C-alpha cells in the first residue's frame, strides 16, 4: 500500500508533473471570480463548493453555473484584462525547477482555456500543455454553451487526460497535484497524487491522499533533498 514516502519518491523521480490550476497554481477560483464580476458570485461559489466537495458532479456544477452567468466573449476579455494572474506563493519557482530538470509540466483544469492561457504564459508552459474546458459562443459573441466533448468537463476527466498523456508519451512516473475531488480521482492513472491545501483545504482530499501539503515550499524541499 502506498504511503507518504512512496509518493515523495515518485515525485523526486517523476518524468511528468501535472497541476490543477484554480486554488493550486493560482490562489483563486477563476469561475467564481468571473461570476462575481457578473453579479452572480454568491450563487456560483456555492455551486463550486458542492462540486469540490464531491456532492455534485463537476459537469452538473458547470451547467448550473453557466446557465446563471452566461458570459459573452466581451465579458471574458474584460475579465482577463482586469484580473492579473494570482500565483500561489513559490509555484513559479517549483515550475521553473521542474522545467530546468526537463520534466514536462501540464495544466489540467476544470476551468476554461480562455481563462487560464495567461497562467500558462506567465509560467512559460506551452499552450499545447493546457487541458481544460472550452466555451462556445454565437457569431456575435453571446454565450452559447460549453463544449461537452472535452474530457475535463467530467469528474473523471483529469484521469482520462493523464491516461492519454501516458499513452502518447510513454510517461512512467506521472504526478498530479491539486486541491479538489476531481484531482484525487486522477490517481490512478497518475502514479502519485499530492493533495494541496495552501489555498483551500478540502477534507475529502486531505483524508483521501497519502501526501497532503499546505505550502509549495514542502514540494521544493523534497526536490532539493534529492539533490543532496
Protein backbone atom coordinates (compact mmCIF):
# COMPACT_ATOMS: atom_id res chain seq x y z
CA UNK A 1 0.00 0.00 0.00
CA UNK A 2 1.31 3.46 -0.90
CA UNK A 3 2.42 5.84 1.84
CA UNK A 4 3.76 9.39 2.03
CA UNK A 5 7.34 8.25 1.48
CA UNK A 6 6.30 6.36 -1.67
CA UNK A 7 4.64 9.49 -3.06
CA UNK A 8 7.73 11.56 -2.27
CA UNK A 9 9.93 9.02 -4.02
CA UNK A 10 7.79 9.13 -7.16
CA UNK A 11 7.77 12.93 -7.07
CA UNK A 12 11.55 13.05 -6.83
CA UNK A 13 11.91 10.87 -9.91
CA UNK A 14 8.83 11.97 -11.87
CA UNK A 15 9.00 12.14 -15.66
CA UNK A 16 5.86 14.31 -15.85
CA UNK A 17 4.09 16.61 -13.38
CA UNK A 18 0.51 17.81 -13.84
CA UNK A 19 -1.11 20.65 -11.91
CA UNK A 20 -4.65 21.69 -11.26
CA UNK A 21 -4.99 25.47 -11.71
CA UNK A 22 -7.67 27.07 -9.51
CA UNK A 23 -6.65 27.06 -5.83
CA UNK A 24 -3.48 25.14 -6.71
CA UNK A 25 -1.31 27.01 -9.21
CA UNK A 26 -3.42 30.11 -8.57
CA UNK A 27 -4.90 31.34 -5.29
CA UNK A 28 -8.45 31.85 -6.54
CA UNK A 29 -11.31 30.02 -8.23
CA UNK A 30 -11.42 31.70 -11.64
CA UNK A 31 -15.03 30.82 -12.38
CA UNK A 32 -16.12 32.21 -9.01
CA UNK A 33 -14.26 35.44 -9.71
CA UNK A 34 -15.82 35.71 -13.16
CA UNK A 35 -19.25 35.19 -11.60
CA UNK A 36 -18.60 38.00 -9.10
CA UNK A 37 -17.93 40.47 -11.88
CA UNK A 38 -21.24 39.48 -13.47
CA UNK A 39 -23.22 39.76 -10.24
CA UNK A 40 -23.61 36.04 -9.55
CA UNK A 41 -20.72 35.48 -7.13
CA UNK A 42 -22.54 34.02 -4.14
CA UNK A 43 -24.69 31.67 -6.17
CA UNK A 44 -21.81 30.26 -8.22
CA UNK A 45 -19.48 29.97 -5.22
CA UNK A 46 -21.98 27.66 -3.53
CA UNK A 47 -22.17 25.52 -6.66
CA UNK A 48 -18.36 25.34 -6.91
CA UNK A 49 -18.06 24.29 -3.27
CA UNK A 50 -20.56 21.48 -3.85
CA UNK A 51 -18.52 20.21 -6.80
CA UNK A 52 -15.20 20.43 -4.95
CA UNK A 53 -16.66 18.50 -2.01
CA UNK A 54 -17.95 15.86 -4.39
CA UNK A 55 -21.62 16.33 -3.53
CA UNK A 56 -22.47 17.07 -7.17
CA UNK A 57 -20.68 16.22 -10.39
CA UNK A 58 -18.41 18.77 -11.99
CA UNK A 59 -20.48 18.70 -15.17
CA UNK A 60 -23.64 19.43 -13.20
CA UNK A 61 -21.91 22.36 -11.50
CA UNK A 62 -20.84 23.81 -14.85
CA UNK A 63 -24.34 23.55 -16.29
CA UNK A 64 -25.80 25.34 -13.28
CA UNK A 65 -23.07 27.98 -13.12
CA UNK A 66 -23.07 28.98 -16.77
CA UNK A 67 -26.82 28.97 -17.06
CA UNK A 68 -26.63 31.66 -14.40
CA UNK A 69 -23.76 33.84 -15.59
CA UNK A 70 -23.85 33.35 -19.41
CA UNK A 71 -20.62 35.31 -20.10
CA UNK A 72 -20.13 36.79 -23.55
CA UNK A 73 -16.76 36.89 -25.34
CA UNK A 74 -16.57 40.55 -24.38
CA UNK A 75 -17.15 39.67 -20.71
CA UNK A 76 -14.30 37.15 -20.86
CA UNK A 77 -11.88 39.61 -22.47
CA UNK A 78 -12.68 42.30 -19.92
CA UNK A 79 -12.32 39.88 -17.03
CA UNK A 80 -8.91 38.58 -18.15
CA UNK A 81 -7.63 42.11 -18.72
CA UNK A 82 -8.82 43.31 -15.30
CA UNK A 83 -7.62 40.30 -13.27
CA UNK A 84 -3.85 39.71 -13.28
CA UNK A 85 -2.75 36.16 -12.55
CA UNK A 86 -2.67 35.49 -8.79
CA UNK A 87 0.00 32.79 -8.44
CA UNK A 88 0.25 30.68 -5.31
CA UNK A 89 3.45 31.61 -3.42
CA UNK A 90 6.52 29.70 -4.68
CA UNK A 91 4.67 27.98 -7.53
CA UNK A 92 6.74 29.83 -10.12
CA UNK A 93 9.94 28.54 -8.51
CA UNK A 94 8.58 24.99 -8.41
CA UNK A 95 7.54 25.01 -12.07
CA UNK A 96 10.87 26.53 -13.09
CA UNK A 97 12.77 23.89 -11.09
CA UNK A 98 10.87 21.11 -12.85
CA UNK A 99 11.41 22.68 -16.26
CA UNK A 100 15.14 23.07 -15.59
CA UNK A 101 15.21 19.32 -14.97
CA UNK A 102 13.47 18.80 -18.32
CA UNK A 103 10.36 17.42 -16.65
CA UNK A 104 7.28 18.27 -18.72
CA UNK A 105 4.67 20.33 -16.84
CA UNK A 106 0.98 20.29 -17.73
CA UNK A 107 -2.04 22.26 -16.56
CA UNK A 108 -5.14 20.09 -16.27
CA UNK A 109 -8.11 22.13 -15.18
CA UNK A 110 -11.86 22.11 -14.94
CA UNK A 111 -11.72 25.83 -15.71
CA UNK A 112 -11.65 27.15 -19.27
CA UNK A 113 -8.78 27.59 -21.69
CA UNK A 114 -9.71 31.23 -22.32
CA UNK A 115 -9.38 31.93 -18.59
CA UNK A 116 -6.06 30.18 -17.94
CA UNK A 117 -3.97 30.74 -21.05
CA UNK A 118 -2.42 33.73 -19.30
CA UNK A 119 -1.44 31.48 -16.38
CA UNK A 120 0.46 29.21 -18.75
CA UNK A 121 2.12 32.23 -20.36
CA UNK A 122 3.33 33.60 -17.01
CA UNK A 123 4.81 30.19 -16.11
CA UNK A 124 6.31 29.55 -19.57
CA UNK A 125 4.15 26.47 -20.03
CA UNK A 126 3.39 25.75 -23.71
CA UNK A 127 -0.25 26.28 -24.67
CA UNK A 128 -0.38 22.73 -26.01
CA UNK A 129 0.24 21.58 -22.42
CA UNK A 130 -3.10 23.04 -21.30
CA UNK A 131 -6.00 20.64 -20.92
CA UNK A 132 -9.17 22.43 -19.88
CA UNK A 133 -12.73 23.13 -20.93
CA UNK A 134 -13.85 25.39 -23.73
CA UNK A 135 -16.70 27.87 -24.00
CA UNK A 136 -18.72 28.13 -27.20
CA UNK A 137 -20.18 31.41 -28.42
CA UNK A 138 -22.65 32.51 -31.06
CA UNK A 139 -21.48 34.53 -34.07
CA UNK A 140 -21.96 37.88 -32.33
CA UNK A 141 -20.14 36.77 -29.18
CA UNK A 142 -23.01 35.81 -26.91
CA UNK A 143 -22.57 32.73 -24.73
CA UNK A 144 -23.96 29.56 -26.31
CA UNK A 145 -22.78 26.65 -24.17
CA UNK A 146 -19.67 24.84 -23.04
CA UNK A 147 -18.02 22.18 -25.16
CA UNK A 148 -19.16 18.88 -23.68
CA UNK A 149 -16.66 16.92 -25.79
CA UNK A 150 -13.72 17.94 -23.57
CA UNK A 151 -12.81 15.21 -21.04
CA UNK A 152 -12.25 17.74 -18.25
CA UNK A 153 -15.96 18.53 -18.10
CA UNK A 154 -16.48 15.22 -16.28
CA UNK A 155 -15.47 14.24 -12.75
CA UNK A 156 -13.09 11.60 -14.11
CA UNK A 157 -11.81 13.87 -16.88
CA UNK A 158 -8.40 14.57 -15.39
CA UNK A 159 -7.79 10.83 -15.11
CA UNK A 160 -8.64 10.47 -18.80
CA UNK A 161 -6.23 13.26 -19.78
CA UNK A 162 -3.40 11.72 -17.76
CA UNK A 163 -4.00 8.32 -19.34
CA UNK A 164 -3.90 9.96 -22.77
CA UNK A 165 -0.58 11.60 -21.89
CA UNK A 166 0.87 8.29 -20.71
CA UNK A 167 -0.29 6.52 -23.85
CA UNK A 168 1.06 9.24 -26.15
CA UNK A 169 4.39 9.99 -24.48
CA UNK A 170 5.15 6.82 -22.55
CA UNK A 171 5.42 8.56 -19.17
CA UNK A 172 6.10 6.04 -16.38
CA UNK A 173 6.00 8.22 -13.24
CA UNK A 174 3.29 10.84 -13.51
CA UNK A 175 2.50 13.04 -10.51
CA UNK A 176 -0.69 15.06 -10.26
CA UNK A 177 -1.07 17.94 -7.78
CA UNK A 178 -4.39 19.54 -6.88
CA UNK A 179 -6.92 20.54 -4.27
CA UNK A 180 -10.22 19.02 -5.42
CA UNK A 181 -12.05 15.72 -5.70
CA UNK A 182 -11.52 15.67 -9.48
CA UNK A 183 -7.77 15.78 -8.75
CA UNK A 184 -7.98 12.98 -6.21
CA UNK A 185 -9.74 10.84 -8.81
CA UNK A 186 -6.83 11.32 -11.25
CA UNK A 187 -4.78 8.72 -9.38
CA UNK A 188 -4.73 6.20 -10.91
CA UNK A 189 -3.77 6.51 -13.73
CA UNK A 190 -1.41 9.10 -12.22
CA UNK A 191 1.29 7.18 -10.37
CA UNK A 192 1.08 9.55 -7.41
CA UNK A 193 -1.25 12.28 -6.21
CA UNK A 194 -0.25 15.16 -3.94
CA UNK A 195 -3.14 16.91 -2.24
CA UNK A 196 -2.67 20.67 -1.92
CA UNK A 197 -4.30 22.76 0.79
CA UNK A 198 -2.43 26.03 0.64
CA UNK A 199 -5.45 27.97 -0.58
CA UNK A 200 -8.42 25.74 0.25
CA UNK A 201 -8.50 22.60 2.38
CA UNK A 202 -10.97 20.02 1.11
CA UNK A 203 -11.36 17.40 3.85
CA UNK A 204 -12.23 14.66 1.37
CA UNK A 205 -8.97 15.30 -0.45
CA UNK A 206 -6.91 15.64 2.72
CA UNK A 207 -8.24 12.36 4.07
CA UNK A 208 -8.06 10.56 0.75
CA UNK A 209 -4.45 11.18 -0.28
CA UNK A 210 -1.16 9.79 1.00
CA UNK A 211 0.68 13.13 0.99
CA UNK A 212 -1.06 16.41 1.73
CA UNK A 213 0.86 19.70 1.71
CA UNK A 214 -0.17 23.23 2.58
CA UNK A 215 2.93 25.05 1.32
CA UNK A 216 4.66 24.74 -2.06
CA UNK A 217 7.96 25.00 -0.17
CA UNK A 218 7.36 21.44 1.04
CA UNK A 219 7.49 20.24 -2.57
CA UNK A 220 10.60 22.27 -3.33
CA UNK A 221 12.27 20.89 -0.22
CA UNK A 222 11.68 17.30 -1.33
CA UNK A 223 13.17 18.01 -4.76
CA UNK A 224 16.18 19.74 -3.22
CA UNK A 225 16.66 16.86 -0.78
CA UNK A 226 17.12 14.54 -3.74
CA UNK A 227 20.00 16.73 -4.94
CA UNK A 228 21.74 16.49 -1.55
